[in-house]
Amino acid sequence: MSKARWTRKSYDAIFRWSNPAERSSAEKVLLADGLTDVVDRLHSVKNMGDWYRITQEAAASVPQSVIESSAKQAEVELNTAAAALGRKGGMSKSKSKITASRANGALGGRPPKDRA
């Protein structure tokens, strides 16, 4: 078996561990990098404090560039999810919203922007 080492994939996998749907793939990545002790500890985590300590150890074991690139990727994923939720919310069509929209349209619609 190869020597245990943290990689970008294993660093990202530690954060995917909390999602039960992704846990098995995260475990495979961690095991492939020889991090069996980390997998054992993750299986025995009882609270967020334990998980947080493991993530801090991972962050201390990888270069700063890995942490920065992982954070940028997480931000992109979060923005994508937020945009999808915003689109869905903006498409809601309740009876009261339709009525209010028609009433506003009868009054001339949205007023023009002040170009002062």
Protein backbone atom coordinates (compact mmCIF):
# COMPACT_ATOMS: atom_id res chain seq x y z
CA MET A 1 0.00 0.00 0.00
CA SER A 2 1.24 3.49 -0.83
CA LYS A 3 2.13 6.08 1.75
CA ALA A 4 -0.80 8.18 3.03
CA ARG A 5 -0.93 11.62 1.49
CA TRP A 6 -3.45 14.43 1.21
CA THR A 7 -4.25 15.52 -2.35
CA ARG A 8 -6.71 18.02 -3.81
CA LYS A 9 -9.17 15.17 -4.38
CA SER A 10 -8.90 13.87 -0.82
CA TYR A 11 -9.14 17.41 0.57
CA ASP A 12 -12.37 17.97 -1.40
CA ALA A 13 -13.64 14.51 -0.39
CA ILE A 14 -13.44 15.38 3.31
CA PHE A 15 -16.04 18.11 2.71
CA ARG A 16 -18.28 15.87 0.59
CA TRP A 17 -18.34 13.32 3.43
CA SER A 18 -21.24 15.12 5.15
CA ASN A 19 -23.52 14.39 2.17
CA PRO A 20 -24.75 10.79 2.55
CA ALA A 21 -25.24 10.50 -1.23
CA GLU A 22 -21.55 11.30 -1.83
CA ARG A 23 -20.06 9.53 1.18
CA SER A 24 -19.10 6.30 -0.59
CA SER A 25 -17.29 8.12 -3.42
CA ALA A 26 -15.55 10.37 -0.88
CA GLU A 27 -14.49 7.30 1.08
CA LYS A 28 -13.02 5.70 -2.08
CA VAL A 29 -10.93 8.80 -2.75
CA LEU A 30 -9.64 8.94 0.81
CA LEU A 31 -8.78 5.24 0.80
CA ALA A 32 -7.06 5.54 -2.60
CA ASP A 33 -4.81 8.21 -1.07
CA GLY A 34 -4.00 5.88 1.83
CA LEU A 35 -5.92 7.87 4.43
CA THR A 36 -7.49 4.86 6.16
CA ASP A 37 -7.03 6.40 9.62
CA VAL A 38 -8.99 9.47 8.51
CA VAL A 39 -11.81 7.28 7.13
CA ASP A 40 -11.94 5.37 10.43
CA ARG A 41 -12.13 8.66 12.34
CA LEU A 42 -14.85 10.00 10.03
CA HIS A 43 -16.94 6.88 10.62
CA SER A 44 -16.72 7.49 14.37
CA VAL A 45 -17.47 11.25 14.29
CA LYS A 46 -20.16 12.06 16.84
CA ASN A 47 -20.42 15.83 16.42
CA MET A 48 -19.38 18.72 14.19
CA GLY A 49 -16.45 19.52 16.47
CA ASP A 50 -14.81 16.18 15.68
CA TRP A 51 -15.38 16.67 11.95
CA TYR A 52 -14.03 20.23 12.17
CA ARG A 53 -10.79 18.98 13.79
CA ILE A 54 -10.30 16.51 10.95
CA THR A 55 -10.81 19.25 8.35
CA GLN A 56 -8.29 21.46 10.15
CA GLU A 57 -5.72 18.65 10.07
CA ALA A 58 -6.40 18.23 6.35
CA ALA A 59 -5.95 21.96 5.74
CA ALA A 60 -2.64 21.88 7.59
CA SER A 61 -1.46 19.00 5.38
CA VAL A 62 -2.08 20.49 1.93
CA PRO A 63 -0.53 23.50 0.19
CA GLN A 64 -2.35 26.84 0.48
CA SER A 65 -3.03 26.76 -3.28
CA VAL A 66 -5.17 23.62 -2.83
CA ILE A 67 -7.25 25.31 -0.15
CA GLU A 68 -7.72 28.43 -2.28
CA SER A 69 -8.72 26.51 -5.39
CA SER A 70 -11.12 24.34 -3.40
CA ALA A 71 -12.71 27.44 -1.86
CA LYS A 72 -13.13 29.04 -5.30
CA GLN A 73 -14.80 25.90 -6.62
CA ALA A 74 -17.13 25.79 -3.60
CA GLU A 75 -18.07 29.44 -4.18
CA VAL A 76 -18.89 28.73 -7.84
CA GLU A 77 -21.08 25.77 -6.84
CA LEU A 78 -22.84 27.84 -4.16
CA ASN A 79 -23.49 30.71 -6.58
CA THR A 80 -24.90 28.28 -9.16
CA ALA A 81 -27.25 26.77 -6.57
CA ALA A 82 -28.34 30.21 -5.33
CA ALA A 83 -29.04 31.37 -8.89
CA ALA A 84 -31.17 28.28 -9.56
CA LEU A 85 -33.17 28.89 -6.38
CA GLY A 86 -33.63 32.56 -7.29
CA ARG A 87 -34.91 31.65 -10.75
CA LYS A 88 -37.35 29.18 -9.28
CA GLY A 89 -38.60 31.71 -6.73
CA GLY A 90 -39.05 34.38 -9.40
CA MET A 91 -41.21 32.05 -11.45
CA SER A 92 -43.84 31.55 -8.74
CA LYS A 93 -47.36 32.36 -9.98
CA SER A 94 -49.85 32.54 -7.19
CA LYS A 95 -53.35 33.89 -7.76
CA SER A 96 -52.59 36.97 -5.68
CA LYS A 97 -49.37 37.65 -7.62
CA ILE A 98 -51.20 37.40 -10.96
CA THR A 99 -53.98 39.71 -9.71
CA ALA A 100 -51.49 42.28 -8.38
CA SER A 101 -49.51 42.17 -11.64
CA ARG A 102 -52.64 42.81 -13.71
CA ALA A 103 -53.70 45.66 -11.43
CA ASN A 104 -50.26 47.27 -11.71
CA GLY A 105 -50.33 46.82 -15.49
CA ALA A 106 -53.72 48.57 -15.69
CA LEU A 107 -52.14 51.58 -13.96
CA GLY A 108 -49.41 51.83 -16.57
CA GLY A 109 -46.93 49.25 -15.33
CA ARG A 110 -43.53 49.94 -13.85
CA PRO A 111 -42.63 53.62 -13.79
CA PRO A 112 -39.59 54.69 -15.85
CA LYS A 113 -36.25 55.09 -14.08
CA ASP A 114 -35.34 58.62 -13.11
CA ARG A 115 -32.40 59.62 -15.32
CA ALA A 116 -31.21 62.51 -13.19
